[in-house]
């Protein structure tokens, strides 16, 4: 049973975090719909994913369930941490190569 206003994205994250994080849209009753599409009772939903897809901050505007909201926030924090680590590594390389000169 889905809460009122639940979207394709809510459903994708309910299936699995990786499905939600890679969701690009869905097919409902044979027609392509966006991640924002609201689900209705009896809808047959096929989630469409892409390996290159990553959660975006604006996705928080398209979900109504706490589970989806929390998973999106966790994915965003994880991505932010990766970027910060990469930046630190680049700075370390820059400083060590400058020190060697």
PDB file of N, CA and C in Angstrom:
ATOM      1  N   UNK A   1       0.838  -1.188   0.000  1.00  0.00           N
ATOM      2  CA  UNK A   1       0.000   0.000   0.000  1.00  0.00           C
ATOM      3  C   UNK A   1       0.881   1.250   0.000  1.00  0.00           C
ATOM      4  N   UNK A   2       0.732   2.084  -0.990  1.00  0.00           N
ATOM      5  CA  UNK A   2       1.526   3.309  -1.136  1.00  0.00           C
ATOM      6  C   UNK A   2       0.802   4.488  -0.485  1.00  0.00           C
ATOM      7  N   UNK A   3       1.579   5.404   0.097  1.00  0.00           N
ATOM      8  CA  UNK A   3       0.949   6.626   0.629  1.00  0.00           C
ATOM      9  C   UNK A   3       0.413   7.495  -0.505  1.00  0.00           C
ATOM     10  N   UNK A   4      -0.574   8.329  -0.198  1.00  0.00           N
ATOM     11  CA  UNK A   4      -1.150   9.227  -1.195  1.00  0.00           C
ATOM     12  C   UNK A   4      -0.054  10.148  -1.729  1.00  0.00           C
ATOM     13  N   UNK A   5       0.007  10.263  -3.046  1.00  0.00           N
ATOM     14  CA  UNK A   5       0.986  11.128  -3.672  1.00  0.00           C
ATOM     15  C   UNK A   5       2.321  10.472  -3.958  1.00  0.00           C
ATOM     16  N   UNK A   6       2.455   9.174  -3.658  1.00  0.00           N
ATOM     17  CA  UNK A   6       3.722   8.464  -3.907  1.00  0.00           C
ATOM     18  C   UNK A   6       4.035   8.482  -5.402  1.00  0.00           C
ATOM     19  N   UNK A   7       5.310   8.659  -5.705  1.00  0.00           N
ATOM     20  CA  UNK A   7       5.751   8.783  -7.095  1.00  0.00           C
ATOM     21  C   UNK A   7       6.535   7.543  -7.542  1.00  0.00           C
ATOM     22  N   UNK A   8       6.894   7.549  -8.804  1.00  0.00           N
ATOM     23  CA  UNK A   8       7.742   6.504  -9.373  1.00  0.00           C
ATOM     24  C   UNK A   8       9.022   6.383  -8.547  1.00  0.00           C
ATOM     25  N   UNK A   9       9.590   7.523  -8.172  1.00  0.00           N
ATOM     26  CA  UNK A   9      10.836   7.529  -7.418  1.00  0.00           C
ATOM     27  C   UNK A   9      10.652   6.902  -6.028  1.00  0.00           C
ATOM     28  N   UNK A  10       9.549   7.193  -5.357  1.00  0.00           N
ATOM     29  CA  UNK A  10       9.250   6.545  -4.069  1.00  0.00           C
ATOM     30  C   UNK A  10       9.220   5.030  -4.242  1.00  0.00           C
ATOM     31  N   UNK A  11       8.537   4.587  -5.284  1.00  0.00           N
ATOM     32  CA  UNK A  11       8.401   3.157  -5.555  1.00  0.00           C
ATOM     33  C   UNK A  11       9.759   2.520  -5.838  1.00  0.00           C
ATOM     34  N   UNK A  12      10.583   3.195  -6.641  1.00  0.00           N
ATOM     35  CA  UNK A  12      11.906   2.661  -6.992  1.00  0.00           C
ATOM     36  C   UNK A  12      12.765   2.491  -5.737  1.00  0.00           C
ATOM     37  N   UNK A  13      12.755   3.478  -4.846  1.00  0.00           N
ATOM     38  CA  UNK A  13      13.539   3.368  -3.610  1.00  0.00           C
ATOM     39  C   UNK A  13      12.945   2.331  -2.668  1.00  0.00           C
ATOM     40  N   UNK A  14      11.646   2.094  -2.754  1.00  0.00           N
ATOM     41  CA  UNK A  14      11.020   1.063  -1.926  1.00  0.00           C
ATOM     42  C   UNK A  14      11.472  -0.326  -2.378  1.00  0.00           C
ATOM     43  N   UNK A  15      11.725  -0.485  -3.672  1.00  0.00           N
ATOM     44  CA  UNK A  15      12.206  -1.768  -4.196  1.00  0.00           C
ATOM     45  C   UNK A  15      13.613  -2.030  -3.662  1.00  0.00           C
ATOM     46  N   UNK A  16      14.525  -1.075  -3.889  1.00  0.00           N
ATOM     47  CA  UNK A  16      15.914  -1.210  -3.429  1.00  0.00           C
ATOM     48  C   UNK A  16      16.614   0.132  -3.620  1.00  0.00           C
ATOM     49  N   UNK A  17      17.540   0.437  -2.739  1.00  0.00           N
ATOM     50  CA  UNK A  17      18.285   1.696  -2.826  1.00  0.00           C
ATOM     51  C   UNK A  17      18.963   1.859  -4.175  1.00  0.00           C
ATOM     52  N   UNK A  18      19.576   0.784  -4.687  1.00  0.00           N
ATOM     53  CA  UNK A  18      20.284   0.872  -5.966  1.00  0.00           C
ATOM     54  C   UNK A  18      19.321   1.103  -7.128  1.00  0.00           C
ATOM     55  N   UNK A  19      18.127   0.543  -7.034  1.00  0.00           N
ATOM     56  CA  UNK A  19      17.118   0.760  -8.078  1.00  0.00           C
ATOM     57  C   UNK A  19      16.683   2.224  -8.055  1.00  0.00           C
ATOM     58  N   UNK A  20      16.415   2.742  -6.872  1.00  0.00           N
ATOM     59  CA  UNK A  20      16.016   4.141  -6.747  1.00  0.00           C
ATOM     60  C   UNK A  20      17.097   5.090  -7.218  1.00  0.00           C
ATOM     61  N   UNK A  21      18.333   4.827  -6.824  1.00  0.00           N
ATOM     62  CA  UNK A  21      19.451   5.704  -7.168  1.00  0.00           C
ATOM     63  C   UNK A  21      19.711   5.731  -8.670  1.00  0.00           C
ATOM     64  N   UNK A  22      19.379   4.663  -9.361  1.00  0.00           N
ATOM     65  CA  UNK A  22      19.631   4.569 -10.806  1.00  0.00           C
ATOM     66  C   UNK A  22      18.384   4.843 -11.645  1.00  0.00           C
ATOM     67  N   UNK A  23      17.276   5.188 -11.001  1.00  0.00           N
ATOM     68  CA  UNK A  23      15.998   5.372 -11.696  1.00  0.00           C
ATOM     69  C   UNK A  23      16.026   6.590 -12.623  1.00  0.00           C
ATOM     70  N   UNK A  24      15.601   6.379 -13.859  1.00  0.00           N
ATOM     71  CA  UNK A  24      15.504   7.478 -14.820  1.00  0.00           C
ATOM     72  C   UNK A  24      14.055   7.741 -15.233  1.00  0.00           C
ATOM     73  N   UNK A  25      13.167   6.846 -14.858  1.00  0.00           N
ATOM     74  CA  UNK A  25      11.763   6.959 -15.213  1.00  0.00           C
ATOM     75  C   UNK A  25      11.096   5.611 -15.055  1.00  0.00           C
ATOM     76  N   UNK A  26       9.944   5.465 -15.699  1.00  0.00           N
ATOM     77  CA  UNK A  26       9.218   4.199 -15.615  1.00  0.00           C
ATOM     78  C   UNK A  26       8.277   4.069 -16.796  1.00  0.00           C
ATOM     79  N   UNK A  27       7.739   2.871 -16.914  1.00  0.00           N
ATOM     80  CA  UNK A  27       6.637   2.617 -17.840  1.00  0.00           C
ATOM     81  C   UNK A  27       5.451   2.222 -16.980  1.00  0.00           C
ATOM     82  N   UNK A  28       4.367   2.922 -17.164  1.00  0.00           N
ATOM     83  CA  UNK A  28       3.128   2.591 -16.459  1.00  0.00           C
ATOM     84  C   UNK A  28       2.081   2.307 -17.518  1.00  0.00           C
ATOM     85  N   UNK A  29       1.600   1.082 -17.519  1.00  0.00           N
ATOM     86  CA  UNK A  29       0.610   0.693 -18.518  1.00  0.00           C
ATOM     87  C   UNK A  29       1.128   0.862 -19.940  1.00  0.00           C
ATOM     88  N   UNK A  30       2.429   0.675 -20.139  1.00  0.00           N
ATOM     89  CA  UNK A  30       3.010   0.750 -21.467  1.00  0.00           C
ATOM     90  C   UNK A  30       3.447   2.135 -21.909  1.00  0.00           C
ATOM     91  N   UNK A  31       3.173   3.175 -21.111  1.00  0.00           N
ATOM     92  CA  UNK A  31       3.614   4.520 -21.508  1.00  0.00           C
ATOM     93  C   UNK A  31       4.766   4.987 -20.628  1.00  0.00           C
ATOM     94  N   UNK A  32       5.710   5.694 -21.248  1.00  0.00           N
ATOM     95  CA  UNK A  32       6.860   6.230 -20.516  1.00  0.00           C
ATOM     96  C   UNK A  32       6.428   7.411 -19.657  1.00  0.00           C
ATOM     97  N   UNK A  33       6.901   7.410 -18.409  1.00  0.00           N
ATOM     98  CA  UNK A  33       6.599   8.508 -17.491  1.00  0.00           C
ATOM     99  C   UNK A  33       7.873   8.921 -16.762  1.00  0.00           C
ATOM    100  N   UNK A  34       7.864  10.114 -16.193  1.00  0.00           N
ATOM    101  CA  UNK A  34       9.035  10.619 -15.473  1.00  0.00           C
ATOM    102  C   UNK A  34       9.053  10.097 -14.038  1.00  0.00           C
ATOM    103  N   UNK A  35      10.155  10.369 -13.352  1.00  0.00           N
ATOM    104  CA  UNK A  35      10.294   9.944 -11.958  1.00  0.00           C
ATOM    105  C   UNK A  35       9.298  10.672 -11.061  1.00  0.00           C
ATOM    106  N   UNK A  36       8.742  11.776 -11.529  1.00  0.00           N
ATOM    107  CA  UNK A  36       7.802  12.589 -10.748  1.00  0.00           C
ATOM    108  C   UNK A  36       6.369  12.057 -10.800  1.00  0.00           C
ATOM    109  N   UNK A  37       6.104  11.153 -11.717  1.00  0.00           N
ATOM    110  CA  UNK A  37       4.741  10.666 -11.945  1.00  0.00           C
ATOM    111  C   UNK A  37       4.145  10.054 -10.680  1.00  0.00           C
ATOM    112  N   UNK A  38       2.971  10.493 -10.336  1.00  0.00           N
ATOM    113  CA  UNK A  38       2.270   9.960  -9.162  1.00  0.00           C
ATOM    114  C   UNK A  38       1.653   8.604  -9.505  1.00  0.00           C
ATOM    115  N   UNK A  39       1.773   7.677  -8.577  1.00  0.00           N
ATOM    116  CA  UNK A  39       1.237   6.334  -8.790  1.00  0.00           C
ATOM    117  C   UNK A  39      -0.196   6.250  -8.285  1.00  0.00           C
ATOM    118  N   UNK A  40      -0.952   5.375  -8.932  1.00  0.00           N
ATOM    119  CA  UNK A  40      -2.342   5.147  -8.535  1.00  0.00           C
ATOM    120  C   UNK A  40      -2.553   3.661  -8.278  1.00  0.00           C
ATOM    121  N   UNK A  41      -3.549   3.355  -7.501  1.00  0.00           N
ATOM    122  CA  UNK A  41      -3.877   1.981  -7.164  1.00  0.00           C
ATOM    123  C   UNK A  41      -4.099   1.174  -8.444  1.00  0.00           C
ATOM    124  N   UNK A  42      -3.434   0.025  -8.545  1.00  0.00           N
ATOM    125  CA  UNK A  42      -3.592  -0.855  -9.697  1.00  0.00           C
ATOM    126  C   UNK A  42      -2.606  -0.607 -10.821  1.00  0.00           C
ATOM    127  N   UNK A  43      -1.789   0.444 -10.716  1.00  0.00           N
ATOM    128  CA  UNK A  43      -0.777   0.703 -11.752  1.00  0.00           C
ATOM    129  C   UNK A  43       0.208  -0.454 -11.828  1.00  0.00           C
ATOM    130  N   UNK A  44       0.555  -0.830 -13.043  1.00  0.00           N
ATOM    131  CA  UNK A  44       1.621  -1.809 -13.269  1.00  0.00           C
ATOM    132  C   UNK A  44       2.831  -0.994 -13.708  1.00  0.00           C
ATOM    133  N   UNK A  45       3.873  -1.039 -12.871  1.00  0.00           N
ATOM    134  CA  UNK A  45       5.019  -0.144 -13.045  1.00  0.00           C
ATOM    135  C   UNK A  45       6.268  -0.941 -13.389  1.00  0.00           C
ATOM    136  N   UNK A  46       6.952  -0.528 -14.447  1.00  0.00           N
ATOM    137  CA  UNK A  46       8.274  -1.058 -14.798  1.00  0.00           C
ATOM    138  C   UNK A  46       9.261   0.086 -14.624  1.00  0.00           C
ATOM    139  N   UNK A  47      10.173  -0.058 -13.683  1.00  0.00           N
ATOM    140  CA  UNK A  47      11.174   0.978 -13.410  1.00  0.00           C
ATOM    141  C   UNK A  47      12.271   0.916 -14.477  1.00  0.00           C
ATOM    142  N   UNK A  48      12.659   2.074 -14.978  1.00  0.00           N
ATOM    143  CA  UNK A  48      13.749   2.184 -15.955  1.00  0.00           C
ATOM    144  C   UNK A  48      14.958   2.754 -15.240  1.00  0.00           C
ATOM    145  N   UNK A  49      16.108   2.088 -15.391  1.00  0.00           N
ATOM    146  CA  UNK A  49      17.324   2.537 -14.714  1.00  0.00           C
ATOM    147  C   UNK A  49      18.450   2.728 -15.728  1.00  0.00           C
ATOM    148  N   UNK A  50      19.466   3.453 -15.279  1.00  0.00           N
ATOM    149  CA  UNK A  50      20.677   3.634 -16.084  1.00  0.00           C
ATOM    150  C   UNK A  50      21.868   3.619 -15.137  1.00  0.00           C
ATOM    151  N   UNK A  51      22.931   2.933 -15.547  1.00  0.00           N
ATOM    152  CA  UNK A  51      24.122   2.834 -14.698  1.00  0.00           C
ATOM    153  C   UNK A  51      24.744   4.193 -14.420  1.00  0.00           C
ATOM    154  N   UNK A  52      24.568   5.135 -15.326  1.00  0.00           N
ATOM    155  CA  UNK A  52      25.190   6.457 -15.174  1.00  0.00           C
ATOM    156  C   UNK A  52      24.354   7.413 -14.323  1.00  0.00           C
ATOM    157  N   UNK A  53      23.128   7.027 -13.991  1.00  0.00           N
ATOM    158  CA  UNK A  53      22.245   7.896 -13.209  1.00  0.00           C
ATOM    159  C   UNK A  53      22.714   7.988 -11.761  1.00  0.00           C
ATOM    160  N   UNK A  54      22.629   9.183 -11.187  1.00  0.00           N
ATOM    161  CA  UNK A  54      22.943   9.397  -9.773  1.00  0.00           C
ATOM    162  C   UNK A  54      21.850  10.267  -9.178  1.00  0.00           C
ATOM    163  N   UNK A  55      21.545  10.076  -7.894  1.00  0.00           N
ATOM    164  CA  UNK A  55      20.533  10.911  -7.251  1.00  0.00           C
ATOM    165  C   UNK A  55      20.919  12.391  -7.291  1.00  0.00           C
ATOM    166  N   UNK A  56      19.914  13.229  -7.403  1.00  0.00           N
ATOM    167  CA  UNK A  56      20.114  14.673  -7.432  1.00  0.00           C
ATOM    168  C   UNK A  56      19.319  15.317  -6.294  1.00  0.00           C
ATOM    169  N   UNK A  57      19.788  16.451  -5.823  1.00  0.00           N
ATOM    170  CA  UNK A  57      19.151  17.121  -4.688  1.00  0.00           C
ATOM    171  C   UNK A  57      17.679  17.447  -4.965  1.00  0.00           C
ATOM    172  N   UNK A  58      17.348  17.801  -6.212  1.00  0.00           N
ATOM    173  CA  UNK A  58      15.954  18.155  -6.505  1.00  0.00           C
ATOM    174  C   UNK A  58      15.008  16.960  -6.424  1.00  0.00           C
ATOM    175  N   UNK A  59      15.557  15.752  -6.401  1.00  0.00           N
ATOM    176  CA  UNK A  59      14.710  14.572  -6.220  1.00  0.00           C
ATOM    177  C   UNK A  59      13.951  14.631  -4.902  1.00  0.00           C
ATOM    178  N   UNK A  60      14.501  15.330  -3.925  1.00  0.00           N
ATOM    179  CA  UNK A  60      13.821  15.437  -2.626  1.00  0.00           C
ATOM    180  C   UNK A  60      12.460  16.111  -2.776  1.00  0.00           C
ATOM    181  N   UNK A  61      12.275  16.882  -3.843  1.00  0.00           N
ATOM    182  CA  UNK A  61      10.990  17.549  -4.103  1.00  0.00           C
ATOM    183  C   UNK A  61       9.959  16.606  -4.711  1.00  0.00           C
ATOM    184  N   UNK A  62      10.391  15.445  -5.173  1.00  0.00           N
ATOM    185  CA  UNK A  62       9.499  14.536  -5.894  1.00  0.00           C
ATOM    186  C   UNK A  62       9.064  13.325  -5.081  1.00  0.00           C
ATOM    187  N   UNK A  63       9.533  13.199  -3.852  1.00  0.00           N
ATOM    188  CA  UNK A  63       9.183  12.020  -3.042  1.00  0.00           C
ATOM    189  C   UNK A  63       8.346  12.417  -1.839  1.00  0.00           C
ATOM    190  N   UNK A  64       7.518  11.487  -1.393  1.00  0.00           N
ATOM    191  CA  UNK A  64       6.679  11.743  -0.217  1.00  0.00           C
ATOM    192  C   UNK A  64       7.007  10.786   0.932  1.00  0.00           C
ATOM    193  N   UNK A  65       7.697   9.702   0.650  1.00  0.00           N
ATOM    194  CA  UNK A  65       7.989   8.734   1.713  1.00  0.00           C
ATOM    195  C   UNK A  65       9.305   9.075   2.407  1.00  0.00           C
ATOM    196  N   UNK A  66       9.328   8.829   3.710  1.00  0.00           N
ATOM    197  CA  UNK A  66      10.543   9.068   4.501  1.00  0.00           C
ATOM    198  C   UNK A  66      11.674   8.164   4.036  1.00  0.00           C
ATOM    199  N   UNK A  67      11.343   6.931   3.658  1.00  0.00           N
ATOM    200  CA  UNK A  67      12.368   5.986   3.210  1.00  0.00           C
ATOM    201  C   UNK A  67      13.109   6.537   1.988  1.00  0.00           C
ATOM    202  N   UNK A  68      12.373   6.996   0.983  1.00  0.00           N
ATOM    203  CA  UNK A  68      12.997   7.528  -0.229  1.00  0.00           C
ATOM    204  C   UNK A  68      13.798   8.783   0.092  1.00  0.00           C
ATOM    205  N   UNK A  69      13.230   9.671   0.901  1.00  0.00           N
ATOM    206  CA  UNK A  69      13.906  10.913   1.273  1.00  0.00           C
ATOM    207  C   UNK A  69      15.241  10.620   1.975  1.00  0.00           C
ATOM    208  N   UNK A  70      15.219   9.698   2.920  1.00  0.00           N
ATOM    209  CA  UNK A  70      16.435   9.346   3.664  1.00  0.00           C
ATOM    210  C   UNK A  70      17.480   8.692   2.782  1.00  0.00           C
ATOM    211  N   UNK A  71      17.038   7.835   1.871  1.00  0.00           N
ATOM    212  CA  UNK A  71      17.974   7.162   0.962  1.00  0.00           C
ATOM    213  C   UNK A  71      18.618   8.165   0.002  1.00  0.00           C
ATOM    214  N   UNK A  72      17.838   9.113  -0.498  1.00  0.00           N
ATOM    215  CA  UNK A  72      18.379  10.138  -1.395  1.00  0.00           C
ATOM    216  C   UNK A  72      19.414  10.972  -0.649  1.00  0.00           C
ATOM    217  N   UNK A  73      19.074  11.394   0.567  1.00  0.00           N
ATOM    218  CA  UNK A  73      20.019  12.189   1.365  1.00  0.00           C
ATOM    219  C   UNK A  73      21.307  11.414   1.630  1.00  0.00           C
ATOM    220  N   UNK A  74      21.187  10.125   1.921  1.00  0.00           N
ATOM    221  CA  UNK A  74      22.373   9.295   2.175  1.00  0.00           C
ATOM    222  C   UNK A  74      23.235   9.194   0.912  1.00  0.00           C
ATOM    223  N   UNK A  75      22.611   9.010  -0.247  1.00  0.00           N
ATOM    224  CA  UNK A  75      23.355   8.940  -1.510  1.00  0.00           C
ATOM    225  C   UNK A  75      24.055  10.261  -1.798  1.00  0.00           C
ATOM    226  N   UNK A  76      23.385  11.366  -1.531  1.00  0.00           N
ATOM    227  CA  UNK A  76      23.979  12.685  -1.770  1.00  0.00           C
ATOM    228  C   UNK A  76      25.175  12.918  -0.845  1.00  0.00           C
ATOM    229  N   UNK A  77      25.038  12.518   0.431  1.00  0.00           N
ATOM    230  CA  UNK A  77      26.158  12.654   1.383  1.00  0.00           C
ATOM    231  C   UNK A  77      27.339  11.801   0.948  1.00  0.00           C
ATOM    232  N   UNK A  78      27.065  10.589   0.489  1.00  0.00           N
ATOM    233  CA  UNK A  78      28.119   9.676   0.036  1.00  0.00           C
ATOM    234  C   UNK A  78      28.862  10.269  -1.163  1.00  0.00           C
ATOM    235  N   UNK A  79      28.114  10.838  -2.102  1.00  0.00           N
ATOM    236  CA  UNK A  79      28.724  11.451  -3.286  1.00  0.00           C
ATOM    237  C   UNK A  79      29.556  12.669  -2.884  1.00  0.00           C
ATOM    238  N   UNK A  80      29.046  13.455  -1.948  1.00  0.00           N
ATOM    239  CA  UNK A  80      29.773  14.626  -1.457  1.00  0.00           C
ATOM    240  C   UNK A  80      31.086  14.208  -0.796  1.00  0.00           C
ATOM    241  N   UNK A  81      31.051  13.121  -0.038  1.00  0.00           N
ATOM    242  CA  UNK A  81      32.257  12.617   0.624  1.00  0.00           C
ATOM    243  C   UNK A  81      33.279  12.151  -0.406  1.00  0.00           C
ATOM    244  N   UNK A  82      32.821  11.512  -1.486  1.00  0.00           N
ATOM    245  CA  UNK A  82      33.731  11.065  -2.557  1.00  0.00           C
ATOM    246  C   UNK A  82      34.423  12.261  -3.194  1.00  0.00           C
ATOM    247  N   UNK A  83      33.657  13.299  -3.471  1.00  0.00           N
ATOM    248  CA  UNK A  83      34.213  14.504  -4.092  1.00  0.00           C
ATOM    249  C   UNK A  83      35.231  15.150  -3.159  1.00  0.00           C
ATOM    250  N   UNK A  84      34.923  15.207  -1.870  1.00  0.00           N
ATOM    251  CA  UNK A  84      35.843  15.796  -0.892  1.00  0.00           C
ATOM    252  C   UNK A  84      37.140  14.983  -0.805  1.00  0.00           C
ATOM    253  N   UNK A  85      37.017  13.645  -0.795  1.00  0.00           N
ATOM    254  CA  UNK A  85      38.204  12.787  -0.758  1.00  0.00           C
ATOM    255  C   UNK A  85      39.075  13.009  -1.994  1.00  0.00           C
ATOM    256  N   UNK A  86      38.426  13.076  -3.139  1.00  0.00           N
ATOM    257  CA  UNK A  86      39.153  13.290  -4.389  1.00  0.00           C
ATOM    258  C   UNK A  86      39.878  14.635  -4.349  1.00  0.00           C
ATOM    259  N   UNK A  87      39.205  15.666  -3.843  1.00  0.00           N
ATOM    260  CA  UNK A  87      39.815  16.990  -3.732  1.00  0.00           C
ATOM    261  C   UNK A  87      41.020  16.986  -2.812  1.00  0.00           C
ATOM    262  N   UNK A  88      40.895  16.299  -1.686  1.00  0.00           N
ATOM    263  CA  UNK A  88      42.026  16.201  -0.747  1.00  0.00           C
ATOM    264  C   UNK A  88      43.203  15.480  -1.392  1.00  0.00           C
ATOM    265  N   UNK A  89      42.918  14.405  -2.117  1.00  0.00           N
ATOM    266  CA  UNK A  89      43.984  13.658  -2.795  1.00  0.00           C
ATOM    267  C   UNK A  89      44.679  14.528  -3.832  1.00  0.00           C
ATOM    268  N   UNK A  90      43.905  15.311  -4.575  1.00  0.00           N
ATOM    269  CA  UNK A  90      44.482  16.202  -5.577  1.00  0.00           C
ATOM    270  C   UNK A  90      45.375  17.254  -4.912  1.00  0.00           C
ATOM    271  N   UNK A  91      44.913  17.811  -3.785  1.00  0.00           N
ATOM    272  CA  UNK A  91      45.715  18.806  -3.067  1.00  0.00           C
ATOM    273  C   UNK A  91      47.013  18.195  -2.554  1.00  0.00           C
ATOM    274  N   UNK A  92      46.934  17.005  -2.012  1.00  0.00           N
ATOM    275  CA  UNK A  92      48.123  16.321  -1.512  1.00  0.00           C
ATOM    276  C   UNK A  92      49.110  16.100  -2.640  1.00  0.00           C
ATOM    277  N   UNK A  93      48.629  15.656  -3.788  1.00  0.00           N
ATOM    278  CA  UNK A  93      49.506  15.454  -4.943  1.00  0.00           C
ATOM    279  C   UNK A  93      50.129  16.777  -5.390  1.00  0.00           C
ATOM    280  N   UNK A  94      49.365  17.817  -5.375  1.00  0.00           N
ATOM    281  CA  UNK A  94      49.852  19.137  -5.778  1.00  0.00           C
ATOM    282  C   UNK A  94      50.959  19.604  -4.841  1.00  0.00           C
ATOM    283  N   UNK A  95      50.712  19.478  -3.533  1.00  0.00           N
ATOM    284  CA  UNK A  95      51.701  19.917  -2.545  1.00  0.00           C
ATOM    285  C   UNK A  95      52.965  19.060  -2.575  1.00  0.00           C
ATOM    286  N   UNK A  96      52.805  17.761  -2.753  1.00  0.00           N
ATOM    287  CA  UNK A  96      53.987  16.890  -2.772  1.00  0.00           C
ATOM    288  C   UNK A  96      54.806  17.103  -4.032  1.00  0.00           C
ATOM    289  N   UNK A  97      54.136  17.402  -5.161  1.00  0.00           N
ATOM    290  CA  UNK A  97      54.904  17.660  -6.383  1.00  0.00           C
ATOM    291  C   UNK A  97      55.579  19.023  -6.310  1.00  0.00           C
ATOM    292  N   UNK A  98      54.946  20.017  -5.636  1.00  0.00           N
ATOM    293  CA  UNK A  98      55.578  21.338  -5.449  1.00  0.00           C
ATOM    294  C   UNK A  98      56.770  21.240  -4.521  1.00  0.00           C
ATOM    295  N   UNK A  99      56.658  20.412  -3.505  1.00  0.00           N
ATOM    296  CA  UNK A  99      57.744  20.254  -2.528  1.00  0.00           C
ATOM    297  C   UNK A  99      58.953  19.559  -3.191  1.00  0.00           C
ATOM    298  N   UNK A 100      58.687  18.702  -4.167  1.00  0.00           N
ATOM    299  CA  UNK A 100      59.771  17.988  -4.846  1.00  0.00           C
ATOM    300  C   UNK A 100      60.521  18.904  -5.813  1.00  0.00           C
ATOM    301  N   UNK A 101      59.883  19.989  -6.258  1.00  0.00           N
ATOM    302  CA  UNK A 101      60.510  20.904  -7.232  1.00  0.00           C
ATOM    303  C   UNK A 101      61.558  21.773  -6.617  1.00  0.00           C
TER     304      UNK A 101
END
